[in-house]
Amino acid sequence: FNNLLTNAIRYTDPRGHIAVEIEDEFQQVR
């Protein structure tokens, strides 16, 4: 999570939006 979110912050211009979504699938969490 830290690596992916840090990457998103670094390559998104100021005042940008980052959305994290978690959902339950058949035999896994996505």
All heavy atoms as atom14 arrays in JSON, in Angstrom:
{
  "sequence": "FNNLLTNAIRYTDPRGHIAVEIEDEFQQVR",
  "atom14_mask": [
    [1, 1, 1, 1, 1, 1, 1, 1, 1, 1, 1, 0, 0, 0],
    [1, 1, 1, 1, 1, 1, 1, 1, 0, 0, 0, 0, 0, 0],
    [1, 1, 1, 1, 1, 1, 1, 1, 0, 0, 0, 0, 0, 0],
    [1, 1, 1, 1, 1, 1, 1, 1, 0, 0, 0, 0, 0, 0],
    [1, 1, 1, 1, 1, 1, 1, 1, 0, 0, 0, 0, 0, 0],
    [1, 1, 1, 1, 1, 1, 1, 0, 0, 0, 0, 0, 0, 0],
    [1, 1, 1, 1, 1, 1, 1, 1, 0, 0, 0, 0, 0, 0],
    [1, 1, 1, 1, 1, 0, 0, 0, 0, 0, 0, 0, 0, 0],
    [1, 1, 1, 1, 1, 1, 1, 1, 0, 0, 0, 0, 0, 0],
    [1, 1, 1, 1, 1, 1, 1, 1, 1, 1, 1, 0, 0, 0],
    [1, 1, 1, 1, 1, 1, 1, 1, 1, 1, 1, 1, 0, 0],
    [1, 1, 1, 1, 1, 1, 1, 0, 0, 0, 0, 0, 0, 0],
    [1, 1, 1, 1, 1, 1, 1, 1, 0, 0, 0, 0, 0, 0],
    [1, 1, 1, 1, 1, 1, 1, 0, 0, 0, 0, 0, 0, 0],
    [1, 1, 1, 1, 1, 1, 1, 1, 1, 1, 1, 0, 0, 0],
    [1, 1, 1, 1, 0, 0, 0, 0, 0, 0, 0, 0, 0, 0],
    [1, 1, 1, 1, 1, 1, 1, 1, 1, 1, 0, 0, 0, 0],
    [1, 1, 1, 1, 1, 1, 1, 1, 0, 0, 0, 0, 0, 0],
    [1, 1, 1, 1, 1, 0, 0, 0, 0, 0, 0, 0, 0, 0],
    [1, 1, 1, 1, 1, 1, 1, 0, 0, 0, 0, 0, 0, 0],
    [1, 1, 1, 1, 1, 1, 1, 1, 1, 0, 0, 0, 0, 0],
    [1, 1, 1, 1, 1, 1, 1, 1, 0, 0, 0, 0, 0, 0],
    [1, 1, 1, 1, 1, 1, 1, 1, 1, 0, 0, 0, 0, 0],
    [1, 1, 1, 1, 1, 1, 1, 1, 0, 0, 0, 0, 0, 0],
    [1, 1, 1, 1, 1, 1, 1, 1, 1, 0, 0, 0, 0, 0],
    [1, 1, 1, 1, 1, 1, 1, 1, 1, 1, 1, 0, 0, 0],
    [1, 1, 1, 1, 1, 1, 1, 1, 1, 0, 0, 0, 0, 0],
    [1, 1, 1, 1, 1, 1, 1, 1, 1, 0, 0, 0, 0, 0],
    [1, 1, 1, 1, 1, 1, 1, 0, 0, 0, 0, 0, 0, 0],
    [1, 1, 1, 1, 1, 1, 1, 1, 1, 1, 1, 0, 0, 0]
  ],
  "atom14_positions": [
    [[0.83, -1.2, 0.0], [0.0, 0.0, 0.0], [0.87, 1.26, 0.0], [0.61, 2.21, -0.76], [-0.92, 0.02, 1.24], [-2.2, -0.72, 1.07], [-2.37, -1.97, 1.63], [-3.25, -0.17, 0.35], [-3.57, -2.66, 1.49], [-4.45, -0.84, 0.19], [-4.61, -2.1, 0.76], [0.0, 0.0, 0.0], [0.0, 0.0, 0.0], [0.0, 0.0, 0.0]],
    [[1.9, 1.27, 0.83], [2.76, 2.44, 0.94], [3.45, 2.75, -0.38], [3.48, 3.91, -0.83], [3.8, 2.21, 2.04], [4.6, 3.46, 2.34], [4.16, 4.34, 3.08], [5.78, 3.56, 1.77], [0.0, 0.0, 0.0], [0.0, 0.0, 0.0], [0.0, 0.0, 0.0], [0.0, 0.0, 0.0], [0.0, 0.0, 0.0], [0.0, 0.0, 0.0]],
    [[4.0, 1.73, -1.04], [4.69, 1.94, -2.31], [3.74, 2.44, -3.39], [4.07, 3.36, -4.16], [5.38, 0.66, -2.76], [6.6, 0.33, -1.94], [6.92, 1.02, -0.97], [7.29, -0.74, -2.27], [0.0, 0.0, 0.0], [0.0, 0.0, 0.0], [0.0, 0.0, 0.0], [0.0, 0.0, 0.0], [0.0, 0.0, 0.0], [0.0, 0.0, 0.0]],
    [[2.56, 1.84, -3.48], [1.61, 2.24, -4.53], [1.05, 3.64, -4.28], [0.92, 4.45, -5.22], [0.47, 1.22, -4.62], [0.85, -0.19, -5.09], [-0.37, -1.1, -5.1], [1.48, -0.15, -6.48], [0.0, 0.0, 0.0], [0.0, 0.0, 0.0], [0.0, 0.0, 0.0], [0.0, 0.0, 0.0], [0.0, 0.0, 0.0], [0.0, 0.0, 0.0]],
    [[0.72, 3.95, -3.02], [0.18, 5.27, -2.72], [1.23, 6.36, -2.85], [0.96, 7.45, -3.37], [-0.42, 5.28, -1.31], [-1.8, 4.64, -1.18], [-2.18, 4.42, 0.27], [-2.86, 5.5, -1.88], [0.0, 0.0, 0.0], [0.0, 0.0, 0.0], [0.0, 0.0, 0.0], [0.0, 0.0, 0.0], [0.0, 0.0, 0.0], [0.0, 0.0, 0.0]],
    [[2.46, 6.08, -2.41], [3.54, 7.05, -2.56], [3.78, 7.34, -4.03], [3.99, 8.48, -4.44], [4.84, 6.52, -1.91], [4.6, 6.29, -0.53], [5.97, 7.53, -2.05], [0.0, 0.0, 0.0], [0.0, 0.0, 0.0], [0.0, 0.0, 0.0], [0.0, 0.0, 0.0], [0.0, 0.0, 0.0], [0.0, 0.0, 0.0], [0.0, 0.0, 0.0]],
    [[3.73, 6.3, -4.86], [3.9, 6.45, -6.31], [2.79, 7.34, -6.87], [3.04, 8.23, -7.7], [3.86, 5.08, -6.97], [4.76, 4.99, -8.16], [5.95, 5.28, -8.09], [4.2, 4.63, -9.29], [0.0, 0.0, 0.0], [0.0, 0.0, 0.0], [0.0, 0.0, 0.0], [0.0, 0.0, 0.0], [0.0, 0.0, 0.0], [0.0, 0.0, 0.0]],
    [[1.55, 7.1, -6.43], [0.43, 7.9, -6.92], [0.58, 9.36, -6.52], [0.32, 10.27, -7.33], [-0.89, 7.33, -6.36], [0.0, 0.0, 0.0], [0.0, 0.0, 0.0], [0.0, 0.0, 0.0], [0.0, 0.0, 0.0], [0.0, 0.0, 0.0], [0.0, 0.0, 0.0], [0.0, 0.0, 0.0], [0.0, 0.0, 0.0], [0.0, 0.0, 0.0]],
    [[1.01, 9.62, -5.29], [1.21, 11.0, -4.83], [2.3, 11.68, -5.65], [2.16, 12.82, -6.07], [1.57, 11.01, -3.33], [0.37, 10.54, -2.49], [2.03, 12.4, -2.88], [0.71, 10.26, -1.03], [0.0, 0.0, 0.0], [0.0, 0.0, 0.0], [0.0, 0.0, 0.0], [0.0, 0.0, 0.0], [0.0, 0.0, 0.0], [0.0, 0.0, 0.0]],
    [[3.39, 10.95, -5.9], [4.54, 11.53, -6.6], [4.18, 11.94, -8.03], [4.61, 12.97, -8.52], [5.69, 10.53, -6.61], [6.95, 11.04, -7.28], [8.06, 10.0, -7.24], [8.44, 9.74, -5.86], [8.51, 8.52, -5.33], [8.22, 7.47, -6.06], [8.88, 8.37, -4.08], [0.0, 0.0, 0.0], [0.0, 0.0, 0.0], [0.0, 0.0, 0.0]],
    [[3.38, 11.13, -8.72], [3.12, 11.38, -10.14], [1.74, 11.98, -10.4], [1.24, 11.94, -11.52], [3.3, 10.08, -10.93], [4.74, 9.65, -10.98], [5.16, 8.52, -10.27], [5.7, 10.38, -11.66], [6.48, 8.12, -10.27], [7.02, 9.99, -11.67], [7.41, 8.86, -10.98], [8.72, 8.48, -10.99], [0.0, 0.0, 0.0], [0.0, 0.0, 0.0]],
    [[1.13, 12.54, -9.36], [-0.13, 13.25, -9.54], [0.1, 14.73, -9.25], [0.73, 15.09, -8.26], [-1.22, 12.69, -8.59], [-1.43, 11.3, -8.88], [-2.53, 13.44, -8.75], [0.0, 0.0, 0.0], [0.0, 0.0, 0.0], [0.0, 0.0, 0.0], [0.0, 0.0, 0.0], [0.0, 0.0, 0.0], [0.0, 0.0, 0.0], [0.0, 0.0, 0.0]],
    [[-0.4, 15.58, -10.13], [-0.21, 17.02, -9.97], [-0.9, 17.53, -8.7], [-1.81, 16.87, -8.18], [-0.78, 17.77, -11.2], [0.08, 17.56, -12.43], [1.3, 17.31, -12.29], [-0.47, 17.64, -13.54], [0.0, 0.0, 0.0], [0.0, 0.0, 0.0], [0.0, 0.0, 0.0], [0.0, 0.0, 0.0], [0.0, 0.0, 0.0], [0.0, 0.0, 0.0]],
    [[-0.48, 18.69, -8.2], [-1.12, 19.25, -7.0], [-2.64, 19.33, -7.12], [-3.18, 19.53, -8.2], [-0.49, 20.65, -6.9], [0.86, 20.48, -7.53], [0.65, 19.52, -8.66], [0.0, 0.0, 0.0], [0.0, 0.0, 0.0], [0.0, 0.0, 0.0], [0.0, 0.0, 0.0], [0.0, 0.0, 0.0], [0.0, 0.0, 0.0], [0.0, 0.0, 0.0]],
    [[-3.3, 19.16, -5.96], [-4.76, 19.19, -5.85], [-5.42, 18.03, -6.59], [-6.56, 18.12, -7.04], [-5.34, 20.54, -6.34], [-4.82, 21.74, -5.55], [-5.49, 23.04, -6.04], [-4.98, 24.19, -5.31], [-3.91, 24.88, -5.65], [-3.22, 24.52, -6.72], [-3.51, 25.91, -4.94], [0.0, 0.0, 0.0], [0.0, 0.0, 0.0], [0.0, 0.0, 0.0]],
    [[-4.68, 16.95, -6.73], [-5.22, 15.76, -7.37], [-6.0, 14.9, -6.39], [-6.09, 15.19, -5.2], [0.0, 0.0, 0.0], [0.0, 0.0, 0.0], [0.0, 0.0, 0.0], [0.0, 0.0, 0.0], [0.0, 0.0, 0.0], [0.0, 0.0, 0.0], [0.0, 0.0, 0.0], [0.0, 0.0, 0.0], [0.0, 0.0, 0.0], [0.0, 0.0, 0.0]],
    [[-6.6, 13.83, -6.93], [-7.4, 12.93, -6.08], [-6.92, 11.5, -6.29], [-6.67, 11.07, -7.41], [-8.88, 13.03, -6.41], [-9.73, 12.12, -5.58], [-9.87, 12.28, -4.22], [-10.45, 11.02, -5.9], [-10.66, 11.33, -3.74], [-11.01, 10.55, -4.74], [0.0, 0.0, 0.0], [0.0, 0.0, 0.0], [0.0, 0.0, 0.0], [0.0, 0.0, 0.0]],
    [[-6.8, 10.78, -5.19], [-6.4, 9.38, -5.21], [-7.48, 8.58, -4.49], [-7.86, 8.92, -3.36], [-5.03, 9.18, -4.52], [-3.95, 9.99, -5.26], [-4.66, 7.71, -4.47], [-2.68, 10.17, -4.47], [0.0, 0.0, 0.0], [0.0, 0.0, 0.0], [0.0, 0.0, 0.0], [0.0, 0.0, 0.0], [0.0, 0.0, 0.0], [0.0, 0.0, 0.0]],
    [[-7.99, 7.56, -5.15], [-9.11, 6.78, -4.6], [-8.66, 5.34, -4.38], [-8.18, 4.68, -5.29], [-10.31, 6.81, -5.54], [0.0, 0.0, 0.0], [0.0, 0.0, 0.0], [0.0, 0.0, 0.0], [0.0, 0.0, 0.0], [0.0, 0.0, 0.0], [0.0, 0.0, 0.0], [0.0, 0.0, 0.0], [0.0, 0.0, 0.0], [0.0, 0.0, 0.0]],
    [[-8.83, 4.87, -3.15], [-8.52, 3.47, -2.8], [-9.85, 2.74, -2.62], [-10.73, 3.21, -1.89], [-7.7, 3.39, -1.51], [-7.37, 1.94, -1.18], [-6.42, 4.22, -1.63], [0.0, 0.0, 0.0], [0.0, 0.0, 0.0], [0.0, 0.0, 0.0], [0.0, 0.0, 0.0], [0.0, 0.0, 0.0], [0.0, 0.0, 0.0], [0.0, 0.0, 0.0]],
    [[-10.0, 1.61, -3.29], [-11.24, 0.83, -3.2], [-10.9, -0.62, -2.89], [-9.98, -1.2, -3.49], [-12.02, 0.92, -4.51], [-13.39, 0.25, -4.45], [-14.2, 0.48, -5.72], [-13.73, 1.23, -6.6], [-15.3, -0.1, -5.82], [0.0, 0.0, 0.0], [0.0, 0.0, 0.0], [0.0, 0.0, 0.0], [0.0, 0.0, 0.0], [0.0, 0.0, 0.0]],
    [[-11.63, -1.22, -1.96], [-11.41, -2.61, -1.56], [-12.72, -3.35, -1.68], [-13.76, -2.88, -1.2], [-10.89, -2.69, -0.11], [-9.6, -1.85, 0.05], [-10.61, -4.14, 0.29], [-9.12, -1.75, 1.49], [0.0, 0.0, 0.0], [0.0, 0.0, 0.0], [0.0, 0.0, 0.0], [0.0, 0.0, 0.0], [0.0, 0.0, 0.0], [0.0, 0.0, 0.0]],
    [[-12.67, -4.52, -2.33], [-13.9, -5.3, -2.45], [-13.63, -6.8, -2.35], [-12.53, -7.28, -2.66], [-14.64, -4.97, -3.74], [-13.86, -5.13, -5.01], [-14.66, -4.62, -6.19], [-15.86, -4.9, -6.26], [-14.07, -3.94, -7.05], [0.0, 0.0, 0.0], [0.0, 0.0, 0.0], [0.0, 0.0, 0.0], [0.0, 0.0, 0.0], [0.0, 0.0, 0.0]],
    [[-14.65, -7.5, -1.9], [-14.58, -8.95, -1.71], [-14.97, -9.63, -3.02], [-16.01, -9.35, -3.6], [-15.52, -9.34, -0.57], [-15.5, -10.83, -0.29], [-14.54, -11.49, -0.73], [-16.44, -11.32, 0.36], [0.0, 0.0, 0.0], [0.0, 0.0, 0.0], [0.0, 0.0, 0.0], [0.0, 0.0, 0.0], [0.0, 0.0, 0.0], [0.0, 0.0, 0.0]],
    [[-14.1, -10.51, -3.49], [-14.42, -11.32, -4.66], [-14.49, -12.78, -4.25], [-14.32, -13.11, -3.08], [-13.4, -11.08, -5.77], [-13.45, -9.65, -6.32], [-12.55, -9.42, -7.52], [-11.61, -10.22, -7.71], [-12.8, -8.46, -8.26], [0.0, 0.0, 0.0], [0.0, 0.0, 0.0], [0.0, 0.0, 0.0], [0.0, 0.0, 0.0], [0.0, 0.0, 0.0]],
    [[-14.66, -13.67, -5.22], [-14.96, -15.08, -4.93], [-14.0, -15.7, -3.93], [-14.38, -16.06, -2.82], [-14.97, -15.86, -6.24], [-15.2, -17.33, -6.06], [-16.28, -17.81, -5.3], [-14.35, -18.26, -6.62], [-16.49, -19.16, -5.12], [-14.55, -19.62, -6.45], [-15.62, -20.07, -5.7], [0.0, 0.0, 0.0], [0.0, 0.0, 0.0], [0.0, 0.0, 0.0]],
    [[-12.74, -15.85, -4.27], [-11.78, -16.45, -3.35], [-10.63, -15.5, -3.01], [-9.58, -15.92, -2.55], [-11.2, -17.74, -3.97], [-12.22, -18.87, -4.02], [-11.57, -20.16, -4.53], [-10.67, -20.14, -5.36], [-12.05, -21.28, -4.01], [0.0, 0.0, 0.0], [0.0, 0.0, 0.0], [0.0, 0.0, 0.0], [0.0, 0.0, 0.0], [0.0, 0.0, 0.0]],
    [[-10.87, -14.22, -3.25], [-9.81, -13.25, -3.03], [-10.38, -11.89, -2.67], [-11.58, -11.64, -2.82], [-8.94, -13.13, -4.29], [-9.72, -12.6, -5.49], [-8.94, -12.64, -6.78], [-7.92, -13.31, -6.88], [-9.41, -11.93, -7.8], [0.0, 0.0, 0.0], [0.0, 0.0, 0.0], [0.0, 0.0, 0.0], [0.0, 0.0, 0.0], [0.0, 0.0, 0.0]],
    [[-9.51, -11.01, -2.19], [-9.84, -9.61, -1.95], [-9.1, -8.78, -2.99], [-7.9, -9.0, -3.21], [-9.44, -9.17, -0.53], [-9.61, -7.66, -0.37], [-10.26, -9.92, 0.52], [0.0, 0.0, 0.0], [0.0, 0.0, 0.0], [0.0, 0.0, 0.0], [0.0, 0.0, 0.0], [0.0, 0.0, 0.0], [0.0, 0.0, 0.0], [0.0, 0.0, 0.0]],
    [[-9.82, -7.87, -3.64], [-9.19, -7.05, -4.68], [-9.1, -5.6, -4.2], [-10.04, -5.05, -3.65], [-9.98, -7.1, -5.99], [-9.22, -6.44, -7.15], [-9.99, -6.5, -8.44], [-11.05, -5.5, -8.47], [-11.67, -5.1, -9.59], [-11.33, -5.64, -10.76], [-12.62, -4.19, -9.55], [0.0, 0.0, 0.0], [0.0, 0.0, 0.0], [0.0, 0.0, 0.0]]
  ]
}
